[in-house]
C-alpha cells in the first residue's frame, strides 16, 4: 500500500495533486465568531482538494471557506473544504504547518476550471 506524507493511503485520493503555488485565502467557519480571512499559497492542488502552508494550527475536520486565485481566471474560485490533516513542518518556508483540505462544496464548473489550469502547467 502506498502512503502519502500524511500517512493516508494514496489510493483514497480520487484525483492526483499537482505541485503549484497559487494564491489562496481561507477563513475558518465558526458559529458566531468573527474570523479573519488569511492569505497564503498552495503547495499542491487537485480537483478534489488542496494543500497550503500557514503559521496557525488548524484542527482536523475544521471547515474552511477558500478563495483560490488561479492566474488565468478573472475571479477567484470559492469552495467549502474540510481539513483532512495538519502537519507541523520546518519553519524555513515561513510556515509552521502544512494543511491538507478536501473540497466539500464546489461547483462542477469550478472543478473543470481547476482541471483545465492544472493540465496547462
PDB file of N, CA and C in Angstrom:
ATOM      1  N   UNK A   1       0.845  -1.184   0.000  1.00  0.00           N
ATOM      2  CA  UNK A   1       0.000   0.000   0.000  1.00  0.00           C
ATOM      3  C   UNK A   1       0.885   1.241   0.000  1.00  0.00           C
ATOM      4  N   UNK A   2       0.594   2.189  -0.850  1.00  0.00           N
ATOM      5  CA  UNK A   2       1.351   3.434  -0.947  1.00  0.00           C
ATOM      6  C   UNK A   2       0.791   4.431   0.058  1.00  0.00           C
ATOM      7  N   UNK A   3       1.692   5.077   0.813  1.00  0.00           N
ATOM      8  CA  UNK A   3       1.269   6.062   1.804  1.00  0.00           C
ATOM      9  C   UNK A   3       1.794   7.428   1.381  1.00  0.00           C
ATOM     10  N   UNK A   4       0.988   8.464   1.609  1.00  0.00           N
ATOM     11  CA  UNK A   4       1.442   9.816   1.313  1.00  0.00           C
ATOM     12  C   UNK A   4       2.043  10.443   2.564  1.00  0.00           C
ATOM     13  N   UNK A   5       2.415  11.743   2.485  1.00  0.00           N
ATOM     14  CA  UNK A   5       3.092  12.400   3.594  1.00  0.00           C
ATOM     15  C   UNK A   5       2.248  12.511   4.858  1.00  0.00           C
ATOM     16  N   UNK A   6       0.956  12.386   4.747  1.00  0.00           N
ATOM     17  CA  UNK A   6       0.088  12.472   5.925  1.00  0.00           C
ATOM     18  C   UNK A   6      -0.230  11.093   6.485  1.00  0.00           C
ATOM     19  N   UNK A   7       0.376  10.046   5.901  1.00  0.00           N
ATOM     20  CA  UNK A   7       0.122   8.705   6.385  1.00  0.00           C
ATOM     21  C   UNK A   7      -1.170   8.113   5.866  1.00  0.00           C
ATOM     22  N   UNK A   8      -1.815   8.778   4.893  1.00  0.00           N
ATOM     23  CA  UNK A   8      -3.057   8.271   4.322  1.00  0.00           C
ATOM     24  C   UNK A   8      -2.727   7.393   3.127  1.00  0.00           C
ATOM     25  N   UNK A   9      -3.526   6.416   2.884  1.00  0.00           N
ATOM     26  CA  UNK A   9      -3.360   5.579   1.710  1.00  0.00           C
ATOM     27  C   UNK A   9      -3.553   6.425   0.463  1.00  0.00           C
ATOM     28  N   UNK A  10      -2.603   6.367  -0.453  1.00  0.00           N
ATOM     29  CA  UNK A  10      -2.699   7.148  -1.685  1.00  0.00           C
ATOM     30  C   UNK A  10      -3.896   6.719  -2.524  1.00  0.00           C
ATOM     31  N   UNK A  11      -4.346   5.484  -2.348  1.00  0.00           N
ATOM     32  CA  UNK A  11      -5.486   5.005  -3.119  1.00  0.00           C
ATOM     33  C   UNK A  11      -6.779   5.728  -2.745  1.00  0.00           C
ATOM     34  N   UNK A  12      -6.839   6.358  -1.584  1.00  0.00           N
ATOM     35  CA  UNK A  12      -8.047   7.065  -1.157  1.00  0.00           C
ATOM     36  C   UNK A  12      -8.251   8.359  -1.936  1.00  0.00           C
ATOM     37  N   UNK A  13      -7.166   8.931  -2.460  1.00  0.00           N
ATOM     38  CA  UNK A  13      -7.262  10.190  -3.183  1.00  0.00           C
ATOM     39  C   UNK A  13      -7.882   9.930  -4.546  1.00  0.00           C
ATOM     40  N   UNK A  14      -8.926  10.686  -4.871  1.00  0.00           N
ATOM     41  CA  UNK A  14      -9.656  10.474  -6.121  1.00  0.00           C
ATOM     42  C   UNK A  14      -9.000  11.157  -7.312  1.00  0.00           C
ATOM     43  N   UNK A  15      -8.239  12.208  -7.069  1.00  0.00           N
ATOM     44  CA  UNK A  15      -7.575  12.899  -8.168  1.00  0.00           C
ATOM     45  C   UNK A  15      -6.163  13.263  -7.742  1.00  0.00           C
ATOM     46  N   UNK A  16      -5.219  13.159  -8.675  1.00  0.00           N
ATOM     47  CA  UNK A  16      -3.828  13.416  -8.325  1.00  0.00           C
ATOM     48  C   UNK A  16      -3.589  14.911  -8.152  1.00  0.00           C
ATOM     49  N   UNK A  17      -2.703  15.211  -7.225  1.00  0.00           N
ATOM     50  CA  UNK A  17      -2.384  16.610  -6.943  1.00  0.00           C
ATOM     51  C   UNK A  17      -1.184  17.050  -7.757  1.00  0.00           C
ATOM     52  N   UNK A  18      -1.191  18.320  -8.134  1.00  0.00           N
ATOM     53  CA  UNK A  18      -0.115  18.909  -8.917  1.00  0.00           C
ATOM     54  C   UNK A  18       0.550  19.971  -8.052  1.00  0.00           C
ATOM     55  N   UNK A  19       1.888  19.907  -7.941  1.00  0.00           N
ATOM     56  CA  UNK A  19       2.596  20.914  -7.158  1.00  0.00           C
ATOM     57  C   UNK A  19       2.545  22.245  -7.890  1.00  0.00           C
ATOM     58  N   UNK A  20       1.963  23.235  -7.233  1.00  0.00           N
ATOM     59  CA  UNK A  20       1.868  24.577  -7.806  1.00  0.00           C
ATOM     60  C   UNK A  20       1.557  25.582  -6.701  1.00  0.00           C
ATOM     61  N   UNK A  21       2.096  26.776  -6.847  1.00  0.00           N
ATOM     62  CA  UNK A  21       1.854  27.850  -5.876  1.00  0.00           C
ATOM     63  C   UNK A  21       0.816  28.810  -6.438  1.00  0.00           C
ATOM     64  N   UNK A  22      -0.377  28.740  -5.881  1.00  0.00           N
ATOM     65  CA  UNK A  22      -1.484  29.605  -6.289  1.00  0.00           C
ATOM     66  C   UNK A  22      -1.946  30.377  -5.052  1.00  0.00           C
ATOM     67  N   UNK A  23      -2.146  31.697  -5.165  1.00  0.00           N
ATOM     68  CA  UNK A  23      -2.667  32.440  -4.016  1.00  0.00           C
ATOM     69  C   UNK A  23      -4.030  31.898  -3.582  1.00  0.00           C
ATOM     70  N   UNK A  24      -4.176  31.712  -2.282  1.00  0.00           N
ATOM     71  CA  UNK A  24      -5.442  31.226  -1.723  1.00  0.00           C
ATOM     72  C   UNK A  24      -5.713  31.979  -0.426  1.00  0.00           C
ATOM     73  N   UNK A  25      -6.976  32.318  -0.197  1.00  0.00           N
ATOM     74  CA  UNK A  25      -7.402  32.906   1.074  1.00  0.00           C
ATOM     75  C   UNK A  25      -8.315  31.898   1.740  1.00  0.00           C
ATOM     76  N   UNK A  26      -8.154  31.752   3.055  1.00  0.00           N
ATOM     77  CA  UNK A  26      -9.032  30.837   3.787  1.00  0.00           C
ATOM     78  C   UNK A  26      -9.600  31.525   5.011  1.00  0.00           C
ATOM     79  N   UNK A  27     -10.779  31.085   5.385  1.00  0.00           N
ATOM     80  CA  UNK A  27     -11.467  31.608   6.569  1.00  0.00           C
ATOM     81  C   UNK A  27     -12.117  30.432   7.271  1.00  0.00           C
ATOM     82  N   UNK A  28     -11.822  30.289   8.567  1.00  0.00           N
ATOM     83  CA  UNK A  28     -12.450  29.227   9.351  1.00  0.00           C
ATOM     84  C   UNK A  28     -13.920  29.554   9.557  1.00  0.00           C
ATOM     85  N   UNK A  29     -14.768  28.552   9.442  1.00  0.00           N
ATOM     86  CA  UNK A  29     -16.199  28.742   9.665  1.00  0.00           C
ATOM     87  C   UNK A  29     -16.520  28.324  11.088  1.00  0.00           C
ATOM     88  N   UNK A  30     -16.835  29.317  11.906  1.00  0.00           N
ATOM     89  CA  UNK A  30     -17.164  29.071  13.315  1.00  0.00           C
ATOM     90  C   UNK A  30     -18.466  29.769  13.636  1.00  0.00           C
ATOM     91  N   UNK A  31     -19.308  29.122  14.414  1.00  0.00           N
ATOM     92  CA  UNK A  31     -20.596  29.704  14.798  1.00  0.00           C
ATOM     93  C   UNK A  31     -20.391  30.938  15.664  1.00  0.00           C
ATOM     94  N   UNK A  32     -20.885  32.080  15.179  1.00  0.00           N
ATOM     95  CA  UNK A  32     -20.901  33.298  15.968  1.00  0.00           C
ATOM     96  C   UNK A  32     -19.569  33.988  16.157  1.00  0.00           C
ATOM     97  N   UNK A  33     -18.485  33.428  15.673  1.00  0.00           N
ATOM     98  CA  UNK A  33     -17.174  34.037  15.880  1.00  0.00           C
ATOM     99  C   UNK A  33     -16.756  34.811  14.631  1.00  0.00           C
ATOM    100  N   UNK A  34     -16.213  35.990  14.844  1.00  0.00           N
ATOM    101  CA  UNK A  34     -15.690  36.789  13.741  1.00  0.00           C
ATOM    102  C   UNK A  34     -14.301  36.253  13.405  1.00  0.00           C
ATOM    103  N   UNK A  35     -14.141  35.729  12.211  1.00  0.00           N
ATOM    104  CA  UNK A  35     -12.873  35.123  11.822  1.00  0.00           C
ATOM    105  C   UNK A  35     -12.317  35.867  10.614  1.00  0.00           C
ATOM    106  N   UNK A  36     -11.054  36.239  10.708  1.00  0.00           N
ATOM    107  CA  UNK A  36     -10.387  36.999   9.662  1.00  0.00           C
ATOM    108  C   UNK A  36      -9.919  36.055   8.557  1.00  0.00           C
ATOM    109  N   UNK A  37     -10.005  36.523   7.333  1.00  0.00           N
ATOM    110  CA  UNK A  37      -9.508  35.766   6.189  1.00  0.00           C
ATOM    111  C   UNK A  37      -7.984  35.874   6.142  1.00  0.00           C
ATOM    112  N   UNK A  38      -7.313  34.750   5.864  1.00  0.00           N
ATOM    113  CA  UNK A  38      -5.852  34.695   5.843  1.00  0.00           C
ATOM    114  C   UNK A  38      -5.388  34.311   4.444  1.00  0.00           C
ATOM    115  N   UNK A  39      -4.393  35.024   3.931  1.00  0.00           N
ATOM    116  CA  UNK A  39      -3.847  34.720   2.618  1.00  0.00           C
ATOM    117  C   UNK A  39      -2.576  33.901   2.713  1.00  0.00           C
ATOM    118  N   UNK A  40      -2.407  32.960   1.787  1.00  0.00           N
ATOM    119  CA  UNK A  40      -1.216  32.121   1.729  1.00  0.00           C
ATOM    120  C   UNK A  40      -1.086  31.585   0.305  1.00  0.00           C
ATOM    121  N   UNK A  41      -0.205  30.616   0.104  1.00  0.00           N
ATOM    122  CA  UNK A  41      -0.028  29.980  -1.200  1.00  0.00           C
ATOM    123  C   UNK A  41      -0.262  28.485  -1.083  1.00  0.00           C
ATOM    124  N   UNK A  42      -0.795  27.901  -2.143  1.00  0.00           N
ATOM    125  CA  UNK A  42      -0.955  26.452  -2.163  1.00  0.00           C
ATOM    126  C   UNK A  42       0.410  25.796  -2.342  1.00  0.00           C
ATOM    127  N   UNK A  43       0.514  24.551  -1.881  1.00  0.00           N
ATOM    128  CA  UNK A  43       1.687  23.717  -2.159  1.00  0.00           C
ATOM    129  C   UNK A  43       1.368  22.761  -3.295  1.00  0.00           C
ATOM    130  N   UNK A  44       0.129  22.263  -3.296  1.00  0.00           N
ATOM    131  CA  UNK A  44      -0.361  21.433  -4.392  1.00  0.00           C
ATOM    132  C   UNK A  44      -1.875  21.549  -4.471  1.00  0.00           C
ATOM    133  N   UNK A  45      -2.401  21.216  -5.658  1.00  0.00           N
ATOM    134  CA  UNK A  45      -3.831  21.387  -5.937  1.00  0.00           C
ATOM    135  C   UNK A  45      -4.310  20.227  -6.797  1.00  0.00           C
ATOM    136  N   UNK A  46      -5.559  19.820  -6.595  1.00  0.00           N
ATOM    137  CA  UNK A  46      -6.233  18.869  -7.482  1.00  0.00           C
ATOM    138  C   UNK A  46      -7.681  19.317  -7.604  1.00  0.00           C
ATOM    139  N   UNK A  47      -8.457  18.595  -8.382  1.00  0.00           N
ATOM    140  CA  UNK A  47      -9.875  18.924  -8.494  1.00  0.00           C
ATOM    141  C   UNK A  47     -10.636  18.518  -7.241  1.00  0.00           C
ATOM    142  N   UNK A  48      -9.993  17.753  -6.359  1.00  0.00           N
ATOM    143  CA  UNK A  48     -10.656  17.293  -5.142  1.00  0.00           C
ATOM    144  C   UNK A  48     -10.211  17.981  -3.869  1.00  0.00           C
ATOM    145  N   UNK A  49      -9.163  18.817  -3.958  1.00  0.00           N
ATOM    146  CA  UNK A  49      -8.691  19.484  -2.755  1.00  0.00           C
ATOM    147  C   UNK A  49      -7.368  20.182  -2.988  1.00  0.00           C
ATOM    148  N   UNK A  50      -6.780  20.678  -1.899  1.00  0.00           N
ATOM    149  CA  UNK A  50      -5.500  21.364  -1.997  1.00  0.00           C
ATOM    150  C   UNK A  50      -4.771  21.317  -0.663  1.00  0.00           C
ATOM    151  N   UNK A  51      -3.496  21.686  -0.736  1.00  0.00           N
ATOM    152  CA  UNK A  51      -2.658  21.780   0.462  1.00  0.00           C
ATOM    153  C   UNK A  51      -2.032  23.165   0.472  1.00  0.00           C
ATOM    154  N   UNK A  52      -1.982  23.777   1.660  1.00  0.00           N
ATOM    155  CA  UNK A  52      -1.348  25.082   1.793  1.00  0.00           C
ATOM    156  C   UNK A  52      -0.572  25.153   3.094  1.00  0.00           C
ATOM    157  N   UNK A  53       0.333  26.136   3.161  1.00  0.00           N
ATOM    158  CA  UNK A  53       1.106  26.378   4.363  1.00  0.00           C
ATOM    159  C   UNK A  53       0.515  27.525   5.154  1.00  0.00           C
ATOM    160  N   UNK A  54       0.654  27.451   6.483  1.00  0.00           N
ATOM    161  CA  UNK A  54       0.158  28.506   7.361  1.00  0.00           C
ATOM    162  C   UNK A  54       0.940  28.484   8.673  1.00  0.00           C
ATOM    163  N   UNK A  55       0.897  29.576   9.403  1.00  0.00           N
ATOM    164  CA  UNK A  55       1.534  29.633  10.718  1.00  0.00           C
ATOM    165  C   UNK A  55       0.575  29.282  11.839  1.00  0.00           C
ATOM    166  N   UNK A  56      -0.679  29.046  11.504  1.00  0.00           N
ATOM    167  CA  UNK A  56      -1.706  28.769  12.509  1.00  0.00           C
ATOM    168  C   UNK A  56      -2.113  27.305  12.447  1.00  0.00           C
ATOM    169  N   UNK A  57      -2.156  26.645  13.602  1.00  0.00           N
ATOM    170  CA  UNK A  57      -2.641  25.266  13.643  1.00  0.00           C
ATOM    171  C   UNK A  57      -4.141  25.262  13.354  1.00  0.00           C
ATOM    172  N   UNK A  58      -4.563  24.393  12.452  1.00  0.00           N
ATOM    173  CA  UNK A  58      -5.982  24.226  12.132  1.00  0.00           C
ATOM    174  C   UNK A  58      -6.319  22.763  12.371  1.00  0.00           C
ATOM    175  N   UNK A  59      -7.310  22.512  13.203  1.00  0.00           N
ATOM    176  CA  UNK A  59      -7.623  21.135  13.590  1.00  0.00           C
ATOM    177  C   UNK A  59      -8.314  20.358  12.476  1.00  0.00           C
ATOM    178  N   UNK A  60      -8.128  19.039  12.510  1.00  0.00           N
ATOM    179  CA  UNK A  60      -8.793  18.153  11.559  1.00  0.00           C
ATOM    180  C   UNK A  60     -10.299  18.343  11.640  1.00  0.00           C
ATOM    181  N   UNK A  61     -10.962  18.187  10.519  1.00  0.00           N
ATOM    182  CA  UNK A  61     -12.417  18.295  10.365  1.00  0.00           C
ATOM    183  C   UNK A  61     -12.916  19.738  10.426  1.00  0.00           C
ATOM    184  N   UNK A  62     -12.024  20.705  10.642  1.00  0.00           N
ATOM    185  CA  UNK A  62     -12.422  22.115  10.613  1.00  0.00           C
ATOM    186  C   UNK A  62     -12.893  22.458   9.201  1.00  0.00           C
ATOM    187  N   UNK A  63     -13.947  23.242   9.099  1.00  0.00           N
ATOM    188  CA  UNK A  63     -14.469  23.678   7.804  1.00  0.00           C
ATOM    189  C   UNK A  63     -13.856  25.030   7.451  1.00  0.00           C
ATOM    190  N   UNK A  64     -13.416  25.156   6.197  1.00  0.00           N
ATOM    191  CA  UNK A  64     -12.823  26.395   5.718  1.00  0.00           C
ATOM    192  C   UNK A  64     -13.543  26.869   4.467  1.00  0.00           C
ATOM    193  N   UNK A  65     -13.705  28.176   4.344  1.00  0.00           N
ATOM    194  CA  UNK A  65     -14.157  28.769   3.093  1.00  0.00           C
ATOM    195  C   UNK A  65     -12.894  29.226   2.369  1.00  0.00           C
ATOM    196  N   UNK A  66     -12.702  28.734   1.148  1.00  0.00           N
ATOM    197  CA  UNK A  66     -11.499  29.021   0.378  1.00  0.00           C
ATOM    198  C   UNK A  66     -11.812  29.913  -0.814  1.00  0.00           C
ATOM    199  N   UNK A  67     -10.864  30.779  -1.154  1.00  0.00           N
ATOM    200  CA  UNK A  67     -10.898  31.557  -2.395  1.00  0.00           C
ATOM    201  C   UNK A  67      -9.571  31.320  -3.093  1.00  0.00           C
ATOM    202  N   UNK A  68      -9.614  30.610  -4.202  1.00  0.00           N
ATOM    203  CA  UNK A  68      -8.427  30.228  -4.957  1.00  0.00           C
ATOM    204  C   UNK A  68      -8.276  31.164  -6.153  1.00  0.00           C
ATOM    205  N   UNK A  69      -7.153  31.911  -6.201  1.00  0.00           N
ATOM    206  CA  UNK A  69      -6.927  32.903  -7.261  1.00  0.00           C
ATOM    207  C   UNK A  69      -6.071  32.318  -8.378  1.00  0.00           C
ATOM    208  N   UNK A  70      -6.688  31.542  -9.248  1.00  0.00           N
ATOM    209  CA  UNK A  70      -5.970  30.962 -10.380  1.00  0.00           C
ATOM    210  C   UNK A  70      -5.590  32.090 -11.341  1.00  0.00           C
ATOM    211  N   UNK A  71      -4.302  32.177 -11.720  1.00  0.00           N
ATOM    212  CA  UNK A  71      -3.818  33.315 -12.518  1.00  0.00           C
ATOM    213  C   UNK A  71      -4.544  33.542 -13.838  1.00  0.00           C
ATOM    214  N   UNK A  72      -5.049  32.500 -14.465  1.00  0.00           N
ATOM    215  CA  UNK A  72      -5.693  32.651 -15.777  1.00  0.00           C
ATOM    216  C   UNK A  72      -7.160  33.058 -15.693  1.00  0.00           C
ATOM    217  N   UNK A  73      -7.703  33.147 -14.477  1.00  0.00           N
ATOM    218  CA  UNK A  73      -9.119  33.480 -14.299  1.00  0.00           C
ATOM    219  C   UNK A  73      -9.276  34.910 -13.790  1.00  0.00           C
ATOM    220  N   UNK A  74     -10.418  35.526 -14.096  1.00  0.00           N
ATOM    221  CA  UNK A  74     -10.656  36.911 -13.684  1.00  0.00           C
ATOM    222  C   UNK A  74     -11.237  37.019 -12.282  1.00  0.00           C
ATOM    223  N   UNK A  75     -11.850  35.949 -11.778  1.00  0.00           N
ATOM    224  CA  UNK A  75     -12.377  35.991 -10.412  1.00  0.00           C
ATOM    225  C   UNK A  75     -11.993  34.697  -9.690  1.00  0.00           C
ATOM    226  N   UNK A  76     -11.895  34.753  -8.362  1.00  0.00           N
ATOM    227  CA  UNK A  76     -11.458  33.565  -7.620  1.00  0.00           C
ATOM    228  C   UNK A  76     -12.502  32.446  -7.625  1.00  0.00           C
ATOM    229  N   UNK A  77     -12.003  31.234  -7.476  1.00  0.00           N
ATOM    230  CA  UNK A  77     -12.862  30.066  -7.291  1.00  0.00           C
ATOM    231  C   UNK A  77     -13.119  29.938  -5.799  1.00  0.00           C
ATOM    232  N   UNK A  78     -14.373  29.795  -5.411  1.00  0.00           N
ATOM    233  CA  UNK A  78     -14.701  29.614  -3.999  1.00  0.00           C
ATOM    234  C   UNK A  78     -15.135  28.177  -3.763  1.00  0.00           C
ATOM    235  N   UNK A  79     -14.763  27.671  -2.596  1.00  0.00           N
ATOM    236  CA  UNK A  79     -15.120  26.298  -2.237  1.00  0.00           C
ATOM    237  C   UNK A  79     -15.159  26.171  -0.723  1.00  0.00           C
ATOM    238  N   UNK A  80     -16.022  25.303  -0.253  1.00  0.00           N
ATOM    239  CA  UNK A  80     -16.047  24.919   1.150  1.00  0.00           C
ATOM    240  C   UNK A  80     -15.199  23.660   1.262  1.00  0.00           C
ATOM    241  N   UNK A  81     -14.270  23.648   2.218  1.00  0.00           N
ATOM    242  CA  UNK A  81     -13.407  22.481   2.376  1.00  0.00           C
ATOM    243  C   UNK A  81     -13.423  21.979   3.812  1.00  0.00           C
ATOM    244  N   UNK A  82     -12.919  20.757   3.966  1.00  0.00           N
ATOM    245  CA  UNK A  82     -12.736  20.158   5.286  1.00  0.00           C
ATOM    246  C   UNK A  82     -11.255  19.827   5.431  1.00  0.00           C
ATOM    247  N   UNK A  83     -10.674  20.189   6.573  1.00  0.00           N
ATOM    248  CA  UNK A  83      -9.280  19.860   6.841  1.00  0.00           C
ATOM    249  C   UNK A  83      -9.187  18.357   7.103  1.00  0.00           C
ATOM    250  N   UNK A  84      -8.357  17.677   6.327  1.00  0.00           N
ATOM    251  CA  UNK A  84      -8.157  16.238   6.469  1.00  0.00           C
ATOM    252  C   UNK A  84      -6.956  15.950   7.353  1.00  0.00           C
ATOM    253  N   UNK A  85      -5.919  16.767   7.228  1.00  0.00           N
ATOM    254  CA  UNK A  85      -4.728  16.592   8.061  1.00  0.00           C
ATOM    255  C   UNK A  85      -3.981  17.911   8.199  1.00  0.00           C
ATOM    256  N   UNK A  86      -3.258  18.036   9.308  1.00  0.00           N
ATOM    257  CA  UNK A  86      -2.367  19.169   9.555  1.00  0.00           C
ATOM    258  C   UNK A  86      -1.047  18.600  10.037  1.00  0.00           C
ATOM    259  N   UNK A  87       0.049  19.082   9.454  1.00  0.00           N
ATOM    260  CA  UNK A  87       1.367  18.554   9.794  1.00  0.00           C
ATOM    261  C   UNK A  87       2.314  19.701  10.117  1.00  0.00           C
ATOM    262  N   UNK A  88       2.988  19.606  11.266  1.00  0.00           N
ATOM    263  CA  UNK A  88       3.992  20.605  11.631  1.00  0.00           C
ATOM    264  C   UNK A  88       5.223  20.378  10.761  1.00  0.00           C
ATOM    265  N   UNK A  89       5.783  21.476  10.237  1.00  0.00           N
ATOM    266  CA  UNK A  89       6.941  21.381   9.348  1.00  0.00           C
ATOM    267  C   UNK A  89       8.016  22.358   9.801  1.00  0.00           C
ATOM    268  N   UNK A  90       9.202  22.248   9.190  1.00  0.00           N
ATOM    269  CA  UNK A  90      10.264  23.213   9.451  1.00  0.00           C
ATOM    270  C   UNK A  90       9.780  24.601   9.058  1.00  0.00           C
ATOM    271  N   UNK A  91      10.126  25.588   9.844  1.00  0.00           N
ATOM    272  CA  UNK A  91       9.666  26.959   9.585  1.00  0.00           C
ATOM    273  C   UNK A  91      10.509  27.654   8.518  1.00  0.00           C
ATOM    274  N   UNK A  92      11.324  26.907   7.786  1.00  0.00           N
ATOM    275  CA  UNK A  92      12.207  27.520   6.781  1.00  0.00           C
ATOM    276  C   UNK A  92      11.433  28.202   5.651  1.00  0.00           C
ATOM    277  N   UNK A  93      10.206  27.774   5.424  1.00  0.00           N
ATOM    278  CA  UNK A  93       9.393  28.364   4.364  1.00  0.00           C
ATOM    279  C   UNK A  93       8.413  29.400   4.905  1.00  0.00           C
ATOM    280  N   UNK A  94       8.677  29.928   6.090  1.00  0.00           N
ATOM    281  CA  UNK A  94       7.814  30.916   6.739  1.00  0.00           C
ATOM    282  C   UNK A  94       6.441  30.366   7.107  1.00  0.00           C
ATOM    283  N   UNK A  95       6.286  29.063   7.109  1.00  0.00           N
ATOM    284  CA  UNK A  95       5.037  28.423   7.517  1.00  0.00           C
ATOM    285  C   UNK A  95       5.359  27.309   8.500  1.00  0.00           C
ATOM    286  N   UNK A  96       4.605  27.246   9.586  1.00  0.00           N
ATOM    287  CA  UNK A  96       4.837  26.219  10.593  1.00  0.00           C
ATOM    288  C   UNK A  96       4.061  24.940  10.318  1.00  0.00           C
ATOM    289  N   UNK A  97       2.995  25.041   9.523  1.00  0.00           N
ATOM    290  CA  UNK A  97       2.126  23.890   9.277  1.00  0.00           C
ATOM    291  C   UNK A  97       1.783  23.767   7.797  1.00  0.00           C
ATOM    292  N   UNK A  98       1.605  22.530   7.355  1.00  0.00           N
ATOM    293  CA  UNK A  98       1.010  22.229   6.056  1.00  0.00           C
ATOM    294  C   UNK A  98      -0.370  21.657   6.355  1.00  0.00           C
ATOM    295  N   UNK A  99      -1.370  22.091   5.596  1.00  0.00           N
ATOM    296  CA  UNK A  99      -2.759  21.712   5.860  1.00  0.00           C
ATOM    297  C   UNK A  99      -3.364  21.111   4.592  1.00  0.00           C
ATOM    298  N   UNK A 100      -3.804  19.853   4.682  1.00  0.00           N
ATOM    299  CA  UNK A 100      -4.444  19.175   3.559  1.00  0.00           C
ATOM    300  C   UNK A 100      -5.952  19.305   3.654  1.00  0.00           C
ATOM    301  N   UNK A 101      -6.570  19.750   2.574  1.00  0.00           N
ATOM    302  CA  UNK A 101      -8.014  20.008   2.526  1.00  0.00           C
ATOM    303  C   UNK A 101      -8.690  19.181   1.448  1.00  0.00           C
ATOM    304  N   UNK A 102      -9.910  18.779   1.725  1.00  0.00           N
ATOM    305  CA  UNK A 102     -10.761  18.124   0.732  1.00  0.00           C
ATOM    306  C   UNK A 102     -11.928  19.056   0.452  1.00  0.00           C
ATOM    307  N   UNK A 103     -12.209  19.295  -0.835  1.00  0.00           N
ATOM    308  CA  UNK A 103     -13.359  20.126  -1.179  1.00  0.00           C
ATOM    309  C   UNK A 103     -14.642  19.399  -0.790  1.00  0.00           C
ATOM    310  N   UNK A 104     -15.517  20.102  -0.082  1.00  0.00           N
ATOM    311  CA  UNK A 104     -16.815  19.549   0.305  1.00  0.00           C
ATOM    312  C   UNK A 104     -17.922  20.110  -0.578  1.00  0.00           C
ATOM    313  N   UNK A 105     -17.812  21.389  -0.911  1.00  0.00           N
ATOM    314  CA  UNK A 105     -18.785  22.047  -1.786  1.00  0.00           C
ATOM    315  C   UNK A 105     -18.027  22.913  -2.784  1.00  0.00           C
ATOM    316  N   UNK A 106     -18.122  22.509  -4.053  1.00  0.00           N
ATOM    317  CA  UNK A 106     -17.509  23.256  -5.146  1.00  0.00           C
ATOM    318  C   UNK A 106     -18.329  22.934  -6.393  1.00  0.00           C
ATOM    319  N   UNK A 107     -18.521  23.923  -7.249  1.00  0.00           N
ATOM    320  CA  UNK A 107     -19.328  23.660  -8.440  1.00  0.00           C
ATOM    321  C   UNK A 107     -18.543  22.801  -9.431  1.00  0.00           C
ATOM    322  N   UNK A 108     -19.263  22.073 -10.232  1.00  0.00           N
ATOM    323  CA  UNK A 108     -18.651  21.245 -11.282  1.00  0.00           C
ATOM    324  C   UNK A 108     -17.855  22.134 -12.235  1.00  0.00           C
ATOM    325  N   UNK A 109     -18.408  23.315 -12.548  1.00  0.00           N
ATOM    326  CA  UNK A 109     -17.722  24.252 -13.439  1.00  0.00           C
ATOM    327  C   UNK A 109     -16.376  24.673 -12.855  1.00  0.00           C
ATOM    328  N   UNK A 110     -16.348  24.974 -11.547  1.00  0.00           N
ATOM    329  CA  UNK A 110     -15.093  25.377 -10.910  1.00  0.00           C
ATOM    330  C   UNK A 110     -14.089  24.226 -10.891  1.00  0.00           C
ATOM    331  N   UNK A 111     -14.555  22.999 -10.682  1.00  0.00           N
ATOM    332  CA  UNK A 111     -13.656  21.841 -10.750  1.00  0.00           C
ATOM    333  C   UNK A 111     -13.065  21.708 -12.151  1.00  0.00           C
ATOM    334  N   UNK A 112     -13.877  21.954 -13.164  1.00  0.00           N
ATOM    335  CA  UNK A 112     -13.398  21.887 -14.545  1.00  0.00           C
ATOM    336  C   UNK A 112     -12.373  22.986 -14.822  1.00  0.00           C
ATOM    337  N   UNK A 113     -12.592  24.187 -14.263  1.00  0.00           N
ATOM    338  CA  UNK A 113     -11.632  25.280 -14.424  1.00  0.00           C
ATOM    339  C   UNK A 113     -10.296  24.928 -13.771  1.00  0.00           C
ATOM    340  N   UNK A 114     -10.347  24.307 -12.598  1.00  0.00           N
ATOM    341  CA  UNK A 114      -9.121  23.859 -11.927  1.00  0.00           C
ATOM    342  C   UNK A 114      -8.415  22.817 -12.788  1.00  0.00           C
ATOM    343  N   UNK A 115      -9.157  21.840 -13.294  1.00  0.00           N
ATOM    344  CA  UNK A 115      -8.573  20.777 -14.119  1.00  0.00           C
ATOM    345  C   UNK A 115      -7.902  21.354 -15.365  1.00  0.00           C
ATOM    346  N   UNK A 116      -8.568  22.297 -16.015  1.00  0.00           N
ATOM    347  CA  UNK A 116      -8.010  22.922 -17.218  1.00  0.00           C
ATOM    348  C   UNK A 116      -6.714  23.647 -16.892  1.00  0.00           C
ATOM    349  N   UNK A 117      -6.698  24.389 -15.796  1.00  0.00           N
ATOM    350  CA  UNK A 117      -5.487  25.108 -15.397  1.00  0.00           C
ATOM    351  C   UNK A 117      -4.352  24.132 -15.091  1.00  0.00           C
ATOM    352  N   UNK A 118      -4.631  23.085 -14.334  1.00  0.00           N
ATOM    353  CA  UNK A 118      -3.587  22.128 -13.964  1.00  0.00           C
ATOM    354  C   UNK A 118      -3.015  21.415 -15.185  1.00  0.00           C
ATOM    355  N   UNK A 119      -3.848  21.136 -16.169  1.00  0.00           N
ATOM    356  CA  UNK A 119      -3.362  20.495 -17.405  1.00  0.00           C
ATOM    357  C   UNK A 119      -2.447  21.422 -18.193  1.00  0.00           C
ATOM    358  N   UNK A 120      -2.624  22.736 -18.025  1.00  0.00           N
ATOM    359  CA  UNK A 120      -1.815  23.706 -18.768  1.00  0.00           C
ATOM    360  C   UNK A 120      -0.417  23.893 -18.173  1.00  0.00           C
ATOM    361  N   UNK A 121      -0.188  23.367 -16.989  1.00  0.00           N
ATOM    362  CA  UNK A 121       1.115  23.556 -16.328  1.00  0.00           C
ATOM    363  C   UNK A 121       2.187  22.651 -16.908  1.00  0.00           C
TER     364      UNK A 121
END
